[in-house]
Amino acid sequence: MYLIWPAGYSARTNPLRIIDDRGRVLALSGDYSQAAGLGGGLGPDDPAGRSIVGCPTAHLTWIVAPD
């Protein structure tokens, strides 16, 4: 499943973590996910079966949203 982040949000490694648009760490690997203040939902299916730019195939997407 591909994650689509809100503008300014990202995931980083070493350690794996989620960063918000202000540069704050919302969650570290191993944290309980609901504590991160993030929600979201499944993205719509693309009837043409196009892939996301930079991803090799079309799959499910999760649109990440701040709670």
N, C-alpha and C. Protein backbone atom coordinates (compact mmCIF):
# COMPACT_ATOMS: atom_id res chain seq x y z
N MET A 1 0.85 -1.17 0.00
CA MET A 1 0.00 0.00 0.00
C MET A 1 0.90 1.24 0.00
N TYR A 2 0.58 2.17 -0.87
CA TYR A 2 1.32 3.42 -0.94
C TYR A 2 0.68 4.45 -0.05
N LEU A 3 1.51 5.27 0.61
CA LEU A 3 1.03 6.34 1.47
C LEU A 3 1.17 7.67 0.74
N ILE A 4 0.12 8.46 0.76
CA ILE A 4 0.16 9.81 0.20
C ILE A 4 0.09 10.76 1.38
N TRP A 5 1.16 11.50 1.62
CA TRP A 5 1.29 12.36 2.79
C TRP A 5 0.72 13.75 2.52
N PRO A 6 0.22 14.42 3.57
CA PRO A 6 -0.16 15.83 3.41
C PRO A 6 1.08 16.65 3.07
N ALA A 7 0.88 17.81 2.50
CA ALA A 7 2.01 18.68 2.14
C ALA A 7 2.90 18.92 3.35
N GLY A 8 4.18 18.69 3.18
CA GLY A 8 5.15 18.93 4.23
C GLY A 8 5.41 17.75 5.15
N TYR A 9 4.57 16.71 5.12
CA TYR A 9 4.76 15.52 5.96
C TYR A 9 5.65 14.52 5.22
N SER A 10 6.36 13.70 5.99
CA SER A 10 7.22 12.70 5.36
C SER A 10 7.55 11.59 6.35
N ALA A 11 8.11 10.53 5.82
CA ALA A 11 8.65 9.44 6.63
C ALA A 11 10.15 9.44 6.41
N ARG A 12 10.91 9.22 7.46
CA ARG A 12 12.37 9.19 7.38
C ARG A 12 12.88 7.91 8.01
N THR A 13 14.13 7.58 7.73
CA THR A 13 14.73 6.37 8.29
C THR A 13 15.84 6.74 9.27
N ASN A 14 16.31 5.72 9.97
CA ASN A 14 17.44 5.81 10.91
C ASN A 14 17.27 6.84 12.00
N PRO A 15 16.34 6.70 12.91
CA PRO A 15 15.33 5.64 13.01
C PRO A 15 14.11 5.97 12.15
N LEU A 16 13.32 4.95 11.82
CA LEU A 16 12.10 5.15 11.07
C LEU A 16 11.17 6.03 11.89
N ARG A 17 10.69 7.14 11.26
CA ARG A 17 9.86 8.10 11.97
C ARG A 17 8.98 8.87 11.00
N ILE A 18 7.93 9.49 11.52
CA ILE A 18 7.03 10.34 10.74
C ILE A 18 7.26 11.77 11.19
N ILE A 19 7.47 12.67 10.23
CA ILE A 19 7.74 14.08 10.49
C ILE A 19 6.58 14.90 9.95
N ASP A 20 6.10 15.90 10.74
CA ASP A 20 5.01 16.74 10.26
C ASP A 20 5.55 17.94 9.49
N ASP A 21 4.64 18.82 9.08
CA ASP A 21 5.02 19.98 8.25
C ASP A 21 5.81 21.04 9.02
N ARG A 22 5.94 20.89 10.33
CA ARG A 22 6.74 21.81 11.14
C ARG A 22 8.07 21.20 11.56
N GLY A 23 8.34 19.96 11.07
CA GLY A 23 9.58 19.28 11.41
C GLY A 23 9.53 18.50 12.71
N ARG A 24 8.35 18.39 13.33
CA ARG A 24 8.21 17.65 14.58
C ARG A 24 8.06 16.16 14.30
N VAL A 25 8.67 15.34 15.15
CA VAL A 25 8.52 13.89 15.04
C VAL A 25 7.17 13.51 15.65
N LEU A 26 6.29 12.92 14.84
CA LEU A 26 4.98 12.49 15.32
C LEU A 26 5.00 11.08 15.85
N ALA A 27 5.82 10.24 15.26
CA ALA A 27 5.88 8.84 15.70
C ALA A 27 7.22 8.24 15.32
N LEU A 28 7.69 7.34 16.16
CA LEU A 28 8.90 6.56 15.89
C LEU A 28 8.50 5.11 15.70
N SER A 29 9.32 4.37 14.99
CA SER A 29 9.07 2.94 14.79
C SER A 29 8.80 2.28 16.14
N GLY A 30 7.71 1.53 16.21
CA GLY A 30 7.33 0.85 17.44
C GLY A 30 6.28 1.59 18.23
N ASP A 31 6.02 2.88 17.92
CA ASP A 31 4.96 3.62 18.59
C ASP A 31 3.60 3.08 18.19
N TYR A 32 2.63 3.26 19.06
CA TYR A 32 1.25 2.91 18.74
C TYR A 32 0.75 3.93 17.73
N SER A 33 0.27 3.50 16.56
CA SER A 33 -0.01 4.39 15.43
C SER A 33 -1.04 5.47 15.72
N GLN A 34 -2.05 5.22 16.55
CA GLN A 34 -3.05 6.24 16.80
C GLN A 34 -2.49 7.39 17.64
N ALA A 35 -1.39 7.15 18.32
CA ALA A 35 -0.77 8.20 19.12
C ALA A 35 -0.12 9.27 18.24
N ALA A 36 0.08 8.98 16.97
CA ALA A 36 0.75 9.91 16.07
C ALA A 36 -0.13 11.08 15.66
N GLY A 37 -1.43 11.03 15.92
CA GLY A 37 -2.32 12.10 15.51
C GLY A 37 -2.60 12.09 14.02
N LEU A 38 -2.52 10.91 13.42
CA LEU A 38 -2.77 10.79 11.99
C LEU A 38 -3.95 9.87 11.74
N GLY A 39 -4.66 10.15 10.69
CA GLY A 39 -5.76 9.30 10.25
C GLY A 39 -5.69 9.20 8.75
N GLY A 40 -6.84 9.12 8.14
CA GLY A 40 -6.89 9.07 6.68
C GLY A 40 -7.82 8.00 6.20
N GLY A 41 -7.66 7.63 4.96
CA GLY A 41 -8.51 6.62 4.37
C GLY A 41 -7.98 6.17 3.03
N LEU A 42 -8.62 5.14 2.50
CA LEU A 42 -8.21 4.60 1.20
C LEU A 42 -8.44 5.61 0.10
N GLY A 43 -7.48 5.71 -0.80
CA GLY A 43 -7.62 6.58 -1.95
C GLY A 43 -8.51 5.91 -2.99
N PRO A 44 -9.07 6.71 -3.91
CA PRO A 44 -9.95 6.15 -4.94
C PRO A 44 -9.16 5.27 -5.91
N ASP A 45 -9.84 4.28 -6.45
CA ASP A 45 -9.23 3.45 -7.49
C ASP A 45 -9.13 4.25 -8.77
N ASP A 46 -8.08 4.03 -9.51
CA ASP A 46 -7.93 4.66 -10.83
C ASP A 46 -8.42 3.67 -11.86
N PRO A 47 -9.56 3.96 -12.50
CA PRO A 47 -10.11 3.00 -13.47
C PRO A 47 -9.18 2.71 -14.63
N ALA A 48 -8.23 3.61 -14.91
CA ALA A 48 -7.29 3.39 -16.00
C ALA A 48 -6.13 2.51 -15.55
N GLY A 49 -6.03 2.24 -14.25
CA GLY A 49 -4.96 1.38 -13.74
C GLY A 49 -3.58 2.01 -13.79
N ARG A 50 -3.53 3.35 -13.78
CA ARG A 50 -2.23 4.03 -13.82
C ARG A 50 -1.52 3.91 -12.49
N SER A 51 -0.21 3.89 -12.53
CA SER A 51 0.56 3.83 -11.29
C SER A 51 0.87 5.24 -10.79
N ILE A 52 1.26 5.32 -9.53
CA ILE A 52 1.67 6.58 -8.94
C ILE A 52 3.07 6.89 -9.45
N VAL A 53 3.37 8.16 -9.71
CA VAL A 53 4.68 8.55 -10.20
C VAL A 53 5.75 8.03 -9.25
N GLY A 54 6.72 7.33 -9.77
CA GLY A 54 7.81 6.78 -8.99
C GLY A 54 7.54 5.39 -8.43
N CYS A 55 6.34 4.87 -8.63
CA CYS A 55 5.98 3.54 -8.16
C CYS A 55 5.76 2.64 -9.37
N PRO A 56 6.23 1.41 -9.32
CA PRO A 56 6.22 0.56 -10.50
C PRO A 56 4.84 0.06 -10.96
N THR A 57 3.90 -0.09 -10.05
CA THR A 57 2.59 -0.62 -10.43
C THR A 57 1.48 0.08 -9.67
N ALA A 58 0.25 -0.04 -10.16
CA ALA A 58 -0.90 0.54 -9.48
C ALA A 58 -1.31 -0.39 -8.34
N HIS A 59 -1.43 0.16 -7.14
CA HIS A 59 -1.84 -0.58 -5.96
C HIS A 59 -2.77 0.30 -5.13
N LEU A 60 -3.18 -0.23 -4.00
CA LEU A 60 -3.99 0.56 -3.08
C LEU A 60 -3.20 1.72 -2.54
N THR A 61 -3.88 2.83 -2.31
CA THR A 61 -3.24 3.99 -1.69
C THR A 61 -3.99 4.34 -0.42
N TRP A 62 -3.27 4.87 0.54
CA TRP A 62 -3.85 5.40 1.77
C TRP A 62 -3.50 6.88 1.81
N ILE A 63 -4.53 7.73 1.87
CA ILE A 63 -4.30 9.16 1.95
C ILE A 63 -4.20 9.52 3.43
N VAL A 64 -3.01 9.89 3.86
CA VAL A 64 -2.75 10.20 5.25
C VAL A 64 -3.26 11.61 5.54
N ALA A 65 -3.96 11.77 6.67
CA ALA A 65 -4.51 13.07 7.04
C ALA A 65 -4.27 13.30 8.54
N PRO A 66 -3.94 14.55 8.90
CA PRO A 66 -3.83 14.85 10.34
C PRO A 66 -5.19 14.71 10.98
N ASP A 67 -5.23 14.21 12.21
CA ASP A 67 -6.50 14.13 12.96
C ASP A 67 -6.91 15.49 13.44
